[in-house]
Amino acid sequence: MAVKLSKADELSQMNTAELKYQILELTKDRDIEPLNKKVLFYQNELSPLFEELSRRNPFPTPEEQEPVVLGVWTPVWSTIPFQDILPGRIHDQSYQIFHPDGYYANIARYAPGDKFSFLKDISKRLLAYDLMVLQKFEVQNGQWHIQNVGIEQAFRIREVPLDIDKAESWFTAIVQSKLQRTDPLKAPNLSNLDQTLVKKVKKAFLAIPQLEHLYIDDDFRLIKTQREAKQRPSYTVAVRPLLTIPHGT
């Protein structure tokens, strides 16, 4: 009589490449779903895969992870609430960029369309809204330390995509300007946004994020984050931009 394997046993018999591919397959085209649905999806479908990969993390300590994380990553699926705090995020123009100087940026383009009114006094048909959350990172005593240091925004022509080179150039220019100043940490000026959204953005900005790499290699990351201790953890799947993401058959 054949013994039926448990889900954990089945996953333990898969190789690492298969586990990574399965996560990409499962999350394909699902990042646009409502947050509550994504949280349930993580709990019911993804968490066993995350747990199995975390046991195989080739760089288990933050000290080992720091040089591996440098460069550009694309988040392909996430339960971070802030990521979609504004409507209309263009998912293939969203980036996480880590620089050797200790600066880190989350960059996304938003094109909300006429049905949304969170932007005031701009032509929503012609312009896109680019948002950058600028942070500093370092590893101390076996932990990642993240500090928010700024929020930058720009209105740009929507027809010109925010590609990696443009995102990198914008990030580098902002960091260079920051290095020339010694401004204290303060909530950003977002007077061009709806005031309800401004309150949410400022609250997120003033928090001290916690970050943990459950798994990281040269082209694939599973990240656990928390904005504050009492908040529900968030989970993100990120890949290098050149990694092929499954598109079905």
C-alpha atoms as a PDB file:
ATOM      1  CA  MET A   1       0.000   0.000   0.000  1.00  0.00           C
ATOM      2  CA  ALA A   2       1.413   3.367  -1.062  1.00  0.00           C
ATOM      3  CA  VAL A   3       2.006   5.879   1.676  1.00  0.00           C
ATOM      4  CA  LYS A   4       0.508   9.286   0.920  1.00  0.00           C
ATOM      5  CA  LEU A   5       3.053  12.026   1.443  1.00  0.00           C
ATOM      6  CA  SER A   6       2.145  15.129   3.398  1.00  0.00           C
ATOM      7  CA  LYS A   7       2.422  18.528   1.756  1.00  0.00           C
ATOM      8  CA  ALA A   8       5.606  19.238   3.722  1.00  0.00           C
ATOM      9  CA  ASP A   9       7.114  15.934   2.611  1.00  0.00           C
ATOM     10  CA  GLU A  10       6.224  16.637  -1.019  1.00  0.00           C
ATOM     11  CA  LEU A  11       7.898  20.034  -0.866  1.00  0.00           C
ATOM     12  CA  SER A  12      10.975  18.650   0.850  1.00  0.00           C
ATOM     13  CA  GLN A  13      11.497  16.303  -2.108  1.00  0.00           C
ATOM     14  CA  MET A  14      11.403  19.133  -4.660  1.00  0.00           C
ATOM     15  CA  ASN A  15      14.642  20.813  -5.645  1.00  0.00           C
ATOM     16  CA  THR A  16      15.147  24.510  -4.953  1.00  0.00           C
ATOM     17  CA  ALA A  17      14.662  25.580  -8.573  1.00  0.00           C
ATOM     18  CA  GLU A  18      11.295  23.780  -8.644  1.00  0.00           C
ATOM     19  CA  LEU A  19      10.164  25.500  -5.461  1.00  0.00           C
ATOM     20  CA  LYS A  20      11.102  28.922  -6.813  1.00  0.00           C
ATOM     21  CA  TYR A  21       9.344  28.203 -10.113  1.00  0.00           C
ATOM     22  CA  GLN A  22       6.205  27.047  -8.297  1.00  0.00           C
ATOM     23  CA  ILE A  23       6.066  30.279  -6.288  1.00  0.00           C
ATOM     24  CA  LEU A  24       6.385  32.318  -9.489  1.00  0.00           C
ATOM     25  CA  GLU A  25       3.696  30.213 -11.153  1.00  0.00           C
ATOM     26  CA  LEU A  26       1.309  30.566  -8.225  1.00  0.00           C
ATOM     27  CA  THR A  27       1.777  34.335  -7.905  1.00  0.00           C
ATOM     28  CA  LYS A  28       1.688  35.089 -11.640  1.00  0.00           C
ATOM     29  CA  ASP A  29      -0.867  37.852 -12.382  1.00  0.00           C
ATOM     30  CA  ARG A  30      -2.096  37.819  -8.759  1.00  0.00           C
ATOM     31  CA  ASP A  31      -0.397  40.944  -7.421  1.00  0.00           C
ATOM     32  CA  ILE A  32      -3.363  43.022  -8.577  1.00  0.00           C
ATOM     33  CA  GLU A  33      -5.737  41.228  -6.211  1.00  0.00           C
ATOM     34  CA  PRO A  34      -7.132  42.971  -3.102  1.00  0.00           C
ATOM     35  CA  LEU A  35      -4.873  42.873  -0.062  1.00  0.00           C
ATOM     36  CA  ASN A  36      -7.181  40.704   2.064  1.00  0.00           C
ATOM     37  CA  LYS A  37      -7.323  38.130  -0.723  1.00  0.00           C
ATOM     38  CA  LYS A  38      -3.528  38.117  -1.049  1.00  0.00           C
ATOM     39  CA  VAL A  39      -3.115  37.625   2.711  1.00  0.00           C
ATOM     40  CA  LEU A  40      -5.392  34.577   2.610  1.00  0.00           C
ATOM     41  CA  PHE A  41      -3.570  33.298  -0.468  1.00  0.00           C
ATOM     42  CA  TYR A  42      -0.280  33.494   1.400  1.00  0.00           C
ATOM     43  CA  GLN A  43      -1.686  31.695   4.424  1.00  0.00           C
ATOM     44  CA  ASN A  44      -3.372  28.938   2.421  1.00  0.00           C
ATOM     45  CA  GLU A  45      -1.009  28.410  -0.514  1.00  0.00           C
ATOM     46  CA  LEU A  46       2.347  30.132  -0.223  1.00  0.00           C
ATOM     47  CA  SER A  47       3.409  29.779   3.401  1.00  0.00           C
ATOM     48  CA  PRO A  48       4.522  26.099   3.112  1.00  0.00           C
ATOM     49  CA  LEU A  49       6.672  27.027   0.099  1.00  0.00           C
ATOM     50  CA  PHE A  50       8.179  30.007   1.922  1.00  0.00           C
ATOM     51  CA  GLU A  51       8.924  27.827   4.951  1.00  0.00           C
ATOM     52  CA  GLU A  52      10.608  25.132   2.865  1.00  0.00           C
ATOM     53  CA  LEU A  53      12.757  27.631   0.988  1.00  0.00           C
ATOM     54  CA  SER A  54      13.691  29.409   4.214  1.00  0.00           C
ATOM     55  CA  ARG A  55      15.219  26.152   5.441  1.00  0.00           C
ATOM     56  CA  ARG A  56      17.425  26.154   2.330  1.00  0.00           C
ATOM     57  CA  ASN A  57      18.519  29.789   2.473  1.00  0.00           C
ATOM     58  CA  PRO A  58      22.070  29.779   1.025  1.00  0.00           C
ATOM     59  CA  PHE A  59      22.799  33.085   2.797  1.00  0.00           C
ATOM     60  CA  PRO A  60      21.125  32.697   6.195  1.00  0.00           C
ATOM     61  CA  THR A  61      22.725  35.651   7.994  1.00  0.00           C
ATOM     62  CA  PRO A  62      22.253  39.353   7.198  1.00  0.00           C
ATOM     63  CA  GLU A  63      26.040  39.726   6.994  1.00  0.00           C
ATOM     64  CA  GLU A  64      26.096  37.198   4.150  1.00  0.00           C
ATOM     65  CA  GLN A  65      22.990  38.674   2.515  1.00  0.00           C
ATOM     66  CA  GLU A  66      24.177  42.271   2.309  1.00  0.00           C
ATOM     67  CA  PRO A  67      26.474  41.928  -0.759  1.00  0.00           C
ATOM     68  CA  VAL A  68      23.958  39.644  -2.494  1.00  0.00           C
ATOM     69  CA  VAL A  69      21.062  42.096  -2.236  1.00  0.00           C
ATOM     70  CA  LEU A  70      22.844  44.974  -4.011  1.00  0.00           C
ATOM     71  CA  GLY A  71      21.367  46.069  -7.325  1.00  0.00           C
ATOM     72  CA  VAL A  72      17.892  46.179  -8.844  1.00  0.00           C
ATOM     73  CA  TRP A  73      14.997  43.874  -7.973  1.00  0.00           C
ATOM     74  CA  THR A  74      11.433  43.710  -9.251  1.00  0.00           C
ATOM     75  CA  PRO A  75       8.694  42.840  -6.722  1.00  0.00           C
ATOM     76  CA  VAL A  76       6.346  40.403  -8.477  1.00  0.00           C
ATOM     77  CA  TRP A  77       3.943  39.779  -5.571  1.00  0.00           C
ATOM     78  CA  SER A  78       3.532  41.367  -2.156  1.00  0.00           C
ATOM     79  CA  THR A  79       1.195  41.842   0.794  1.00  0.00           C
ATOM     80  CA  ILE A  80       2.777  45.160   1.823  1.00  0.00           C
ATOM     81  CA  PRO A  81      -0.197  47.551   2.308  1.00  0.00           C
ATOM     82  CA  PHE A  82       1.810  50.690   1.449  1.00  0.00           C
ATOM     83  CA  GLN A  83       2.682  49.375  -1.993  1.00  0.00           C
ATOM     84  CA  ASP A  84      -0.857  49.964  -3.235  1.00  0.00           C
ATOM     85  CA  ILE A  85      -1.815  52.810  -0.929  1.00  0.00           C
ATOM     86  CA  LEU A  86      -2.268  54.832  -4.124  1.00  0.00           C
ATOM     87  CA  PRO A  87      -4.396  53.459  -6.974  1.00  0.00           C
ATOM     88  CA  GLY A  88      -3.119  52.593 -10.417  1.00  0.00           C
ATOM     89  CA  ARG A  89       0.350  51.160  -9.727  1.00  0.00           C
ATOM     90  CA  ILE A  90       2.055  49.899 -12.896  1.00  0.00           C
ATOM     91  CA  HIS A  91       3.479  46.603 -11.723  1.00  0.00           C
ATOM     92  CA  ASP A  92       6.191  46.207 -14.339  1.00  0.00           C
ATOM     93  CA  GLN A  93       7.505  49.692 -13.493  1.00  0.00           C
ATOM     94  CA  SER A  94       8.082  48.980  -9.802  1.00  0.00           C
ATOM     95  CA  TYR A  95      11.607  48.496  -8.431  1.00  0.00           C
ATOM     96  CA  GLN A  96      13.598  47.874  -5.283  1.00  0.00           C
ATOM     97  CA  ILE A  97      17.155  49.199  -5.619  1.00  0.00           C
ATOM     98  CA  PHE A  98      19.998  48.711  -3.129  1.00  0.00           C
ATOM     99  CA  HIS A  99      23.188  50.765  -3.530  1.00  0.00           C
ATOM    100  CA  PRO A 100      26.588  50.014  -1.954  1.00  0.00           C
ATOM    101  CA  ASP A 101      26.497  53.375  -0.141  1.00  0.00           C
ATOM    102  CA  GLY A 102      23.745  52.076   2.144  1.00  0.00           C
ATOM    103  CA  TYR A 103      20.785  53.719   0.406  1.00  0.00           C
ATOM    104  CA  TYR A 104      17.742  51.737  -0.673  1.00  0.00           C
ATOM    105  CA  ALA A 105      14.766  52.860  -2.760  1.00  0.00           C
ATOM    106  CA  ASN A 106      11.301  51.520  -3.395  1.00  0.00           C
ATOM    107  CA  ILE A 107      10.172  53.132  -6.648  1.00  0.00           C
ATOM    108  CA  ALA A 108       6.835  52.784  -8.424  1.00  0.00           C
ATOM    109  CA  ARG A 109       4.911  54.495 -11.175  1.00  0.00           C
ATOM    110  CA  TYR A 110       1.197  55.171 -10.786  1.00  0.00           C
ATOM    111  CA  ALA A 111      -1.197  55.953 -13.623  1.00  0.00           C
ATOM    112  CA  PRO A 112      -4.543  56.225 -11.846  1.00  0.00           C
ATOM    113  CA  GLY A 113      -6.862  57.071 -14.737  1.00  0.00           C
ATOM    114  CA  ASP A 114      -9.853  59.360 -14.754  1.00  0.00           C
ATOM    115  CA  LYS A 115     -11.956  57.375 -12.272  1.00  0.00           C
ATOM    116  CA  PHE A 116      -9.576  58.258  -9.445  1.00  0.00           C
ATOM    117  CA  SER A 117      -9.255  61.721  -7.958  1.00  0.00           C
ATOM    118  CA  PHE A 118      -6.385  61.363  -5.487  1.00  0.00           C
ATOM    119  CA  LEU A 119      -4.167  63.685  -7.523  1.00  0.00           C
ATOM    120  CA  LYS A 120      -5.145  67.321  -7.690  1.00  0.00           C
ATOM    121  CA  ASP A 121      -4.536  69.846 -10.478  1.00  0.00           C
ATOM    122  CA  ILE A 122      -2.839  67.584 -13.014  1.00  0.00           C
ATOM    123  CA  SER A 123      -3.989  65.979 -16.231  1.00  0.00           C
ATOM    124  CA  LYS A 124      -4.445  62.330 -15.304  1.00  0.00           C
ATOM    125  CA  ARG A 125      -4.649  61.355 -18.962  1.00  0.00           C
ATOM    126  CA  LEU A 126      -1.220  62.715 -19.824  1.00  0.00           C
ATOM    127  CA  LEU A 127       0.863  62.418 -16.654  1.00  0.00           C
ATOM    128  CA  ALA A 128       2.088  59.572 -14.499  1.00  0.00           C
ATOM    129  CA  TYR A 129       2.956  59.911 -10.824  1.00  0.00           C
ATOM    130  CA  ASP A 130       6.335  58.453  -9.812  1.00  0.00           C
ATOM    131  CA  LEU A 131       6.859  57.778  -6.107  1.00  0.00           C
ATOM    132  CA  MET A 132      10.115  56.907  -4.350  1.00  0.00           C
ATOM    133  CA  VAL A 133      10.451  55.838  -0.727  1.00  0.00           C
ATOM    134  CA  LEU A 134      14.100  56.473   0.113  1.00  0.00           C
ATOM    135  CA  GLN A 135      15.649  54.465   2.947  1.00  0.00           C
ATOM    136  CA  LYS A 136      18.999  53.714   4.516  1.00  0.00           C
ATOM    137  CA  PHE A 137      20.018  50.172   5.337  1.00  0.00           C
ATOM    138  CA  GLU A 138      22.777  48.529   7.328  1.00  0.00           C
ATOM    139  CA  VAL A 139      23.461  45.257   9.098  1.00  0.00           C
ATOM    140  CA  GLN A 140      24.169  45.432  12.830  1.00  0.00           C
ATOM    141  CA  ASN A 141      24.381  42.624  15.364  1.00  0.00           C
ATOM    142  CA  GLY A 142      22.934  40.065  12.985  1.00  0.00           C
ATOM    143  CA  GLN A 143      19.910  42.154  11.974  1.00  0.00           C
ATOM    144  CA  TRP A 144      18.847  44.370   9.102  1.00  0.00           C
ATOM    145  CA  HIS A 145      18.284  47.979  10.163  1.00  0.00           C
ATOM    146  CA  ILE A 146      16.098  50.097   7.879  1.00  0.00           C
ATOM    147  CA  GLN A 147      15.385  53.814   8.270  1.00  0.00           C
ATOM    148  CA  ASN A 148      13.091  55.932   6.140  1.00  0.00           C
ATOM    149  CA  VAL A 149      14.898  59.093   5.080  1.00  0.00           C
ATOM    150  CA  GLY A 150      12.666  60.634   2.440  1.00  0.00           C
ATOM    151  CA  ILE A 151       9.764  60.402   0.048  1.00  0.00           C
ATOM    152  CA  GLU A 152      10.260  61.825  -3.424  1.00  0.00           C
ATOM    153  CA  GLN A 153       7.671  62.346  -6.118  1.00  0.00           C
ATOM    154  CA  ALA A 154       7.640  63.404  -9.733  1.00  0.00           C
ATOM    155  CA  PHE A 155       5.056  63.944 -12.449  1.00  0.00           C
ATOM    156  CA  ARG A 156       6.201  62.659 -15.820  1.00  0.00           C
ATOM    157  CA  ILE A 157       4.831  61.981 -19.275  1.00  0.00           C
ATOM    158  CA  ARG A 158       2.983  58.686 -19.042  1.00  0.00           C
ATOM    159  CA  GLU A 159       3.957  57.523 -22.543  1.00  0.00           C
ATOM    160  CA  VAL A 160       7.661  57.429 -21.565  1.00  0.00           C
ATOM    161  CA  PRO A 161       8.082  54.311 -19.390  1.00  0.00           C
ATOM    162  CA  LEU A 162       9.909  54.433 -16.077  1.00  0.00           C
ATOM    163  CA  ASP A 163      12.511  51.829 -17.018  1.00  0.00           C
ATOM    164  CA  ILE A 164      15.403  50.610 -14.864  1.00  0.00           C
ATOM    165  CA  ASP A 165      17.890  53.158 -16.187  1.00  0.00           C
ATOM    166  CA  LYS A 166      15.531  56.073 -15.474  1.00  0.00           C
ATOM    167  CA  ALA A 167      14.709  54.718 -12.014  1.00  0.00           C
ATOM    168  CA  GLU A 168      18.420  54.261 -11.234  1.00  0.00           C
ATOM    169  CA  SER A 169      19.290  57.755 -12.455  1.00  0.00           C
ATOM    170  CA  TRP A 170      16.519  59.323 -10.386  1.00  0.00           C
ATOM    171  CA  PHE A 171      17.583  57.371  -7.290  1.00  0.00           C
ATOM    172  CA  THR A 172      21.249  58.318  -7.710  1.00  0.00           C
ATOM    173  CA  ALA A 173      20.429  62.001  -8.186  1.00  0.00           C
ATOM    174  CA  ILE A 174      18.240  62.062  -5.082  1.00  0.00           C
ATOM    175  CA  VAL A 175      20.901  60.333  -2.957  1.00  0.00           C
ATOM    176  CA  GLN A 176      23.566  62.788  -4.114  1.00  0.00           C
ATOM    177  CA  SER A 177      21.355  65.700  -3.118  1.00  0.00           C
ATOM    178  CA  LYS A 178      20.653  64.072   0.274  1.00  0.00           C
ATOM    179  CA  LEU A 179      24.359  63.620   0.976  1.00  0.00           C
ATOM    180  CA  GLN A 180      24.842  67.366   0.613  1.00  0.00           C
ATOM    181  CA  ARG A 181      22.240  68.104   3.285  1.00  0.00           C
ATOM    182  CA  THR A 182      21.793  67.166   6.923  1.00  0.00           C
ATOM    183  CA  ASP A 183      18.032  67.504   7.175  1.00  0.00           C
ATOM    184  CA  PRO A 184      16.428  65.806  10.206  1.00  0.00           C
ATOM    185  CA  LEU A 185      13.928  63.023   9.561  1.00  0.00           C
ATOM    186  CA  LYS A 186      10.505  64.527   9.002  1.00  0.00           C
ATOM    187  CA  ALA A 187       7.308  63.685   7.196  1.00  0.00           C
ATOM    188  CA  PRO A 188       7.409  64.698   3.510  1.00  0.00           C
ATOM    189  CA  ASN A 189       5.458  67.492   1.873  1.00  0.00           C
ATOM    190  CA  LEU A 190       2.676  65.818  -0.116  1.00  0.00           C
ATOM    191  CA  SER A 191       0.365  68.774  -0.531  1.00  0.00           C
ATOM    192  CA  ASN A 192      -0.601  67.693  -4.039  1.00  0.00           C
ATOM    193  CA  LEU A 193      -2.251  64.507  -2.733  1.00  0.00           C
ATOM    194  CA  ASP A 194      -5.654  63.942  -1.224  1.00  0.00           C
ATOM    195  CA  GLN A 195      -5.416  64.601   2.526  1.00  0.00           C
ATOM    196  CA  THR A 196      -6.722  61.154   3.501  1.00  0.00           C
ATOM    197  CA  LEU A 197      -3.875  59.584   1.576  1.00  0.00           C
ATOM    198  CA  VAL A 198      -1.385  62.096   2.982  1.00  0.00           C
ATOM    199  CA  LYS A 199      -2.141  60.893   6.521  1.00  0.00           C
ATOM    200  CA  LYS A 200      -1.581  57.259   5.523  1.00  0.00           C
ATOM    201  CA  VAL A 201       1.681  58.024   3.737  1.00  0.00           C
ATOM    202  CA  LYS A 202       3.047  60.119   6.621  1.00  0.00           C
ATOM    203  CA  LYS A 203       2.178  57.412   9.172  1.00  0.00           C
ATOM    204  CA  ALA A 204       3.998  54.783   7.112  1.00  0.00           C
ATOM    205  CA  PHE A 205       6.983  57.089   6.579  1.00  0.00           C
ATOM    206  CA  LEU A 206       7.516  57.774  10.280  1.00  0.00           C
ATOM    207  CA  ALA A 207       7.490  54.051  11.188  1.00  0.00           C
ATOM    208  CA  ILE A 208      10.699  52.036  11.636  1.00  0.00           C
ATOM    209  CA  PRO A 209      10.470  49.066   9.253  1.00  0.00           C
ATOM    210  CA  GLN A 210      11.737  45.601  10.131  1.00  0.00           C
ATOM    211  CA  LEU A 211      13.150  43.415   7.342  1.00  0.00           C
ATOM    212  CA  GLU A 212      14.116  39.754   7.142  1.00  0.00           C
ATOM    213  CA  HIS A 213      15.236  37.728   4.133  1.00  0.00           C
ATOM    214  CA  LEU A 214      13.563  34.341   4.487  1.00  0.00           C
ATOM    215  CA  TYR A 215      15.419  33.306   1.335  1.00  0.00           C
ATOM    216  CA  ILE A 216      17.873  35.086  -0.932  1.00  0.00           C
ATOM    217  CA  ASP A 217      20.146  34.062  -3.769  1.00  0.00           C
ATOM    218  CA  ASP A 218      21.541  35.896  -6.782  1.00  0.00           C
ATOM    219  CA  ASP A 219      18.180  36.237  -8.567  1.00  0.00           C
ATOM    220  CA  PHE A 220      15.360  35.440  -6.117  1.00  0.00           C
ATOM    221  CA  ARG A 221      14.246  36.838  -2.756  1.00  0.00           C
ATOM    222  CA  LEU A 222      11.511  36.071  -0.236  1.00  0.00           C
ATOM    223  CA  ILE A 223      11.171  38.973   2.189  1.00  0.00           C
ATOM    224  CA  LYS A 224       9.280  39.360   5.455  1.00  0.00           C
ATOM    225  CA  THR A 225       8.662  42.928   6.612  1.00  0.00           C
ATOM    226  CA  GLN A 226       6.812  44.684   9.416  1.00  0.00           C
ATOM    227  CA  ARG A 227       6.188  48.396   9.696  1.00  0.00           C
ATOM    228  CA  GLU A 228       5.824  48.106  13.464  1.00  0.00           C
ATOM    229  CA  ALA A 229       5.790  45.286  16.020  1.00  0.00           C
ATOM    230  CA  LYS A 230       2.003  45.128  16.386  1.00  0.00           C
ATOM    231  CA  GLN A 231       1.385  45.096  12.636  1.00  0.00           C
ATOM    232  CA  ARG A 232       0.739  41.927  10.639  1.00  0.00           C
ATOM    233  CA  PRO A 233       3.883  40.757   8.811  1.00  0.00           C
ATOM    234  CA  SER A 234       3.996  41.317   5.064  1.00  0.00           C
ATOM    235  CA  TYR A 235       5.583  39.025   2.514  1.00  0.00           C
ATOM    236  CA  THR A 236       7.162  39.845  -0.845  1.00  0.00           C
ATOM    237  CA  VAL A 237       8.501  37.839  -3.774  1.00  0.00           C
ATOM    238  CA  ALA A 238      11.186  39.736  -5.696  1.00  0.00           C
ATOM    239  CA  VAL A 239      13.337  38.745  -8.664  1.00  0.00           C
ATOM    240  CA  ARG A 240      16.112  40.221 -10.737  1.00  0.00           C
ATOM    241  CA  PRO A 241      14.571  42.008 -13.740  1.00  0.00           C
ATOM    242  CA  LEU A 242      16.239  39.618 -16.209  1.00  0.00           C
ATOM    243  CA  LEU A 243      14.794  36.513 -14.547  1.00  0.00           C
ATOM    244  CA  THR A 244      12.163  34.846 -16.743  1.00  0.00           C
ATOM    245  CA  ILE A 245       8.795  34.888 -15.013  1.00  0.00           C
ATOM    246  CA  PRO A 246       6.351  32.134 -16.072  1.00  0.00           C
ATOM    247  CA  HIS A 247       3.519  33.222 -18.335  1.00  0.00           C
ATOM    248  CA  GLY A 248       1.658  29.947 -18.605  1.00  0.00           C
ATOM    249  CA  THR A 249       1.298  27.710 -21.611  1.00  0.00           C
END
